[in-house]
Protein backbone atom coordinates (compact mmCIF):
# COMPACT_ATOMS: atom_id res chain seq x y z
CA MET A 1 0.00 0.00 0.00
CA HIS A 2 1.33 3.38 -0.92
CA LYS A 3 1.70 5.63 2.12
CA ALA A 4 0.11 8.52 0.21
CA ARG A 5 -3.02 6.42 -0.49
CA LEU A 6 -3.35 5.52 3.18
CA GLU A 7 -3.01 9.19 4.15
CA ASP A 8 -5.64 10.15 1.55
CA ILE A 9 -8.06 7.53 2.91
CA ASN A 10 -7.55 8.80 6.45
CA LYS A 11 -8.16 12.40 5.31
CA LEU A 12 -11.29 11.33 3.41
CA PHE A 13 -12.84 9.73 6.48
CA LEU A 14 -11.80 12.56 8.79
CA GLU A 15 -13.77 15.01 6.66
CA TYR A 16 -16.60 12.48 6.23
CA ARG A 17 -16.89 12.16 10.02
CA ARG A 18 -16.93 15.95 10.41
CA LEU A 19 -19.90 16.22 8.05
CA PHE A 20 -21.81 13.58 10.00
CA GLU A 21 -21.27 15.66 13.14
CA ALA A 22 -22.47 18.72 11.21
CA ARG A 23 -25.52 16.65 10.10
CA ASP A 24 -25.14 17.59 6.43
CA ALA A 25 -26.63 14.77 4.35
CA GLU A 26 -26.10 16.53 1.00
CA GLN A 27 -22.38 17.00 1.58
CA ILE A 28 -22.03 13.47 2.98
CA ALA A 29 -23.43 12.21 -0.32
CA ASP A 30 -20.64 14.08 -2.14
CA PHE A 31 -18.19 11.46 -0.82
CA TYR A 32 -19.95 8.76 -2.82
CA ARG A 33 -19.97 7.71 -6.44
CA PHE A 34 -23.49 6.88 -7.57
CA PRO A 35 -25.11 4.54 -8.09
CA LEU A 36 -23.83 3.31 -4.73
CA HIS A 37 -23.71 -0.39 -3.96
CA TYR A 38 -24.90 -0.97 -0.39
CA HIS A 39 -24.31 -4.36 1.19
CA PHE A 40 -26.53 -4.78 4.25
CA SER A 41 -25.41 -6.76 7.29
CA ASP A 42 -28.20 -9.28 6.65
CA GLY A 43 -26.68 -10.21 3.29
CA LYS A 44 -29.01 -8.17 1.09
CA LYS A 45 -27.59 -5.79 -1.50
CA SER A 46 -29.05 -2.66 -3.07
CA GLN A 47 -28.04 -0.12 -5.63
CA LEU A 48 -28.87 3.36 -4.35
CA ASP A 49 -29.15 6.60 -6.27
CA ARG A 50 -28.10 9.89 -4.72
CA ALA A 51 -31.59 11.10 -3.74
CA TYR A 52 -32.50 7.84 -2.01
CA PHE A 53 -29.14 7.74 -0.24
CA ILE A 54 -29.59 11.28 1.08
CA GLY A 55 -32.98 10.25 2.50
CA ARG A 56 -31.36 7.27 4.26
CA VAL A 57 -28.62 9.51 5.69
CA GLU A 58 -31.21 12.03 6.92
CA LYS A 59 -33.05 9.19 8.67
CA LEU A 60 -29.80 8.03 10.28
CA LEU A 61 -29.01 11.58 11.40
CA LYS A 62 -32.44 11.80 13.07
CA LEU A 63 -31.67 8.56 14.91
CA TYR A 64 -28.38 10.06 16.05
CA GLN A 65 -30.28 13.06 17.41
CA LYS A 66 -32.75 10.78 19.22
CA LEU A 67 -29.86 8.79 20.71
CA GLY A 68 -28.07 11.96 21.83
CA VAL A 69 -25.06 11.53 19.54
CA THR A 70 -23.04 14.75 19.59
CA GLN A 71 -19.58 13.48 18.71
CA ILE A 72 -18.26 10.79 16.37
CA VAL A 73 -14.83 9.22 16.48
CA GLY A 74 -13.73 7.14 13.52
CA ALA A 75 -10.59 5.08 13.14
CA VAL A 76 -9.40 3.38 9.99
CA THR A 77 -8.46 -0.04 11.36
CA ASP A 78 -7.52 -1.81 8.14
CA VAL A 79 -6.96 -1.03 4.47
CA ILE A 80 -6.56 -3.68 1.80
CA GLU A 81 -5.30 -2.48 -1.55
CA LEU A 82 -7.41 -4.31 -4.14
CA ASN A 83 -5.69 -2.84 -7.18
CA GLU A 84 -4.01 0.36 -8.30
CA ASN A 85 -7.24 2.36 -7.98
CA ALA A 86 -9.33 0.62 -5.31
CA SER A 87 -9.00 -0.16 -1.61
CA LEU A 88 -11.21 -1.78 0.99
CA ALA A 89 -11.17 0.33 4.17
CA THR A 90 -12.50 -0.88 7.52
CA LEU A 91 -13.54 1.75 10.04
CA ASN A 92 -14.52 1.50 13.65
CA TRP A 93 -17.00 4.25 14.45
CA ILE A 94 -17.62 5.29 18.06
CA LEU A 95 -20.65 7.49 18.60
CA LEU A 96 -20.67 9.57 21.76
CA ASP A 97 -23.01 11.73 23.79
CA ALA A 98 -20.63 14.50 24.84
CA ARG A 99 -23.21 16.77 26.49
CA GLY A 100 -22.12 15.95 30.04
CA GLU A 101 -18.82 16.33 31.84
CA LYS A 102 -17.53 13.04 30.48
CA PRO A 103 -18.53 11.76 27.01
CA GLN A 104 -20.60 8.57 27.11
CA GLN A 105 -20.45 5.97 24.36
CA VAL A 106 -23.84 5.53 22.69
CA TYR A 107 -22.60 2.66 20.50
CA SER A 108 -19.74 1.59 18.29
CA ALA A 109 -19.92 -0.12 14.92
CA ILE A 110 -17.72 -1.42 12.16
CA THR A 111 -18.33 -0.45 8.53
CA ARG A 112 -16.35 -1.27 5.42
CA TYR A 113 -16.02 0.93 2.36
CA LEU A 114 -14.79 0.27 -1.15
CA VAL A 115 -12.86 3.44 -1.93
CA SER A 116 -11.81 4.12 -5.52
CA GLU A 117 -9.97 6.81 -7.42
CA TYR A 118 -12.49 8.52 -9.69
CA GLN A 119 -11.72 11.57 -11.82
CA GLY A 120 -8.68 12.40 -9.73
CA GLU A 121 -10.24 12.03 -6.28
CA LEU A 122 -11.20 9.29 -3.87
CA LYS A 123 -14.88 8.32 -3.80
CA ILE A 124 -16.78 5.65 -1.91
CA ASP A 125 -18.15 3.13 -4.42
CA SER A 126 -19.63 0.61 -2.01
CA LEU A 127 -20.73 0.63 1.60
CA ILE A 128 -20.65 -2.66 3.49
CA GLY A 129 -22.61 -2.76 6.73
CA VAL A 130 -21.09 -5.05 9.34
CA ASP A 131 -22.88 -4.46 12.63
CA GLU A 132 -24.26 -0.91 12.77
CA THR A 133 -27.93 -1.91 12.36
CA VAL A 134 -27.67 -4.25 15.35
CA GLN A 135 -25.84 -1.63 17.40
CA VAL A 136 -28.38 1.12 16.60
CA ARG A 137 -31.28 -1.15 17.56
CA ARG A 138 -29.54 -2.08 20.80
CA ALA A 139 -28.94 1.61 21.62
CA LEU A 140 -32.59 2.50 20.85
CA ARG A 141 -33.82 -0.27 23.16
CA ALA A 142 -31.58 1.08 25.93
CA LEU A 143 -33.25 4.54 25.80
């Protein structure tokens, strides 16, 4: 793996995380190349267009608000270079409620992303859910 590619992937997800904290679904969608291939944790697969994806992100952002998520920490835990232009990145997301003196973890989840070079910049081509759906449901039940 080229060090520059790894740095670019880390920068991509740092900005991506920032936009989730800002709750900006339109700009979050800018990180993706559409149609997006979404692989659900239950094994199903869908092809999403930009408008539908934005609606899904808006729904997720409302869930974050309901759960009290105010801060998101993301760490790239693994990157596999698939070829010269594509990498599979694994991220561990930790969602926090930072309204009190000490931030409290709401939940953590692992997500994988197929990241590809497209027209001179990195874009997310595929999103692979690992355990976020289960973690969100568990957090909602704990409310």
